[in-house]
Amino acid sequence: MPQIELKQAEQADHQLIVNLMQFYNYDFSEWVPLSFAEDGFFAIRPKLEYLSSPTTIPLLILVDAKIAGFVIVDDEVHAAGAQHNIG
């Protein structure tokens, strides 16, 4: 059975998460029209400051000690009564 782990990302991991966001945007583009920037990557807002915010908790998903994805928990809620957001 695969070993699944959530690991809080350190600042050194933040660029890795930004890179993984390209795949997230690719998958998301099936439902929402997203366009490429001139460099061929999806145009995403700068995230390094956001990932360093004290109200943001970036997590890496590891499967058998290898990077499989990420999760970001923050306080940018969009539903009444919610305290946290997964974004």
Protein backbone atom coordinates (compact mmCIF):
# COMPACT_ATOMS: atom_id res chain seq x y z
CA MET A 1 0.00 0.00 0.00
CA PRO A 2 1.40 3.47 -0.89
CA GLN A 3 2.64 5.66 1.94
CA ILE A 4 0.82 9.02 1.69
CA GLU A 5 2.12 11.98 3.66
CA LEU A 6 1.33 15.69 4.01
CA LYS A 7 4.42 17.76 4.72
CA GLN A 8 4.33 21.46 5.52
CA ALA A 9 6.30 23.18 2.78
CA GLU A 10 9.28 25.26 3.74
CA GLN A 11 10.19 28.49 1.99
CA ALA A 12 12.68 26.55 -0.14
CA ASP A 13 9.70 24.50 -1.48
CA HIS A 14 7.63 27.51 -2.58
CA GLN A 15 8.99 27.67 -6.13
CA LEU A 16 8.25 23.95 -6.47
CA ILE A 17 4.61 24.63 -5.57
CA VAL A 18 4.44 27.49 -8.09
CA ASN A 19 5.79 25.08 -10.72
CA LEU A 20 3.19 22.44 -9.78
CA MET A 21 0.48 25.08 -10.19
CA GLN A 22 1.10 24.91 -13.94
CA PHE A 23 -0.26 21.34 -13.95
CA TYR A 24 -3.21 22.40 -11.77
CA ASN A 25 -4.01 25.15 -14.28
CA TYR A 26 -3.69 22.70 -17.16
CA ASP A 27 -6.24 20.38 -15.56
CA PHE A 28 -8.50 23.29 -14.60
CA SER A 29 -8.43 24.64 -18.18
CA GLU A 30 -10.80 21.84 -19.18
CA TRP A 31 -13.60 23.76 -17.42
CA VAL A 32 -12.40 27.38 -17.44
CA PRO A 33 -10.78 29.12 -20.42
CA LEU A 34 -7.20 29.88 -19.40
CA SER A 35 -4.58 31.28 -21.74
CA PHE A 36 -0.84 31.02 -21.97
CA ALA A 37 1.55 33.87 -21.33
CA GLU A 38 4.12 34.74 -24.00
CA ASP A 39 6.64 32.37 -22.39
CA GLY A 40 4.31 29.39 -22.96
CA PHE A 41 3.32 28.97 -19.30
CA PHE A 42 -0.10 29.65 -17.85
CA ALA A 43 -0.23 33.21 -16.58
CA ILE A 44 -0.72 33.00 -12.82
CA ARG A 45 -0.54 35.71 -10.22
CA PRO A 46 2.78 35.83 -8.35
CA LYS A 47 2.46 33.42 -5.44
CA LEU A 48 5.75 33.53 -3.53
CA GLU A 49 4.59 36.33 -1.20
CA TYR A 50 1.21 34.62 -0.74
CA LEU A 51 2.91 31.32 0.16
CA SER A 52 5.03 33.11 2.78
CA SER A 53 2.02 34.76 4.45
CA PRO A 54 1.46 33.73 8.08
CA THR A 55 -2.19 32.97 7.22
CA THR A 56 -1.23 30.57 4.41
CA ILE A 57 -0.22 26.95 5.02
CA PRO A 58 1.33 25.35 1.92
CA LEU A 59 1.56 21.56 2.09
CA LEU A 60 3.29 19.06 -0.16
CA ILE A 61 1.62 15.73 -0.86
CA LEU A 62 4.14 12.89 -0.90
CA VAL A 63 3.47 9.34 -2.07
CA ASP A 64 6.19 6.90 -1.15
CA ALA A 65 8.40 9.92 -0.28
CA LYS A 66 8.01 11.38 -3.82
CA ILE A 67 6.23 14.63 -4.63
CA ALA A 68 2.70 13.96 -5.90
CA GLY A 69 1.02 17.34 -5.46
CA PHE A 70 0.23 20.18 -3.11
CA VAL A 71 -2.52 21.69 -0.98
CA ILE A 72 -2.74 25.28 0.21
CA VAL A 73 -4.85 26.18 3.25
CA ASP A 74 -5.53 29.87 3.86
CA ASP A 75 -8.06 32.22 5.43
CA GLU A 76 -9.44 33.61 2.14
CA VAL A 77 -12.87 32.11 2.76
CA HIS A 78 -15.70 32.34 0.24
CA ALA A 79 -18.50 30.71 2.22
CA ALA A 80 -20.31 32.15 5.21
CA GLY A 81 -19.16 30.56 8.44
CA ALA A 82 -16.01 29.03 6.97
CA GLN A 83 -12.73 29.63 8.78
CA HIS A 84 -10.35 28.17 6.22
CA ASN A 85 -10.11 27.79 2.47
CA ILE A 86 -8.34 25.16 0.42
CA GLY A 87 -7.03 26.92 -2.64
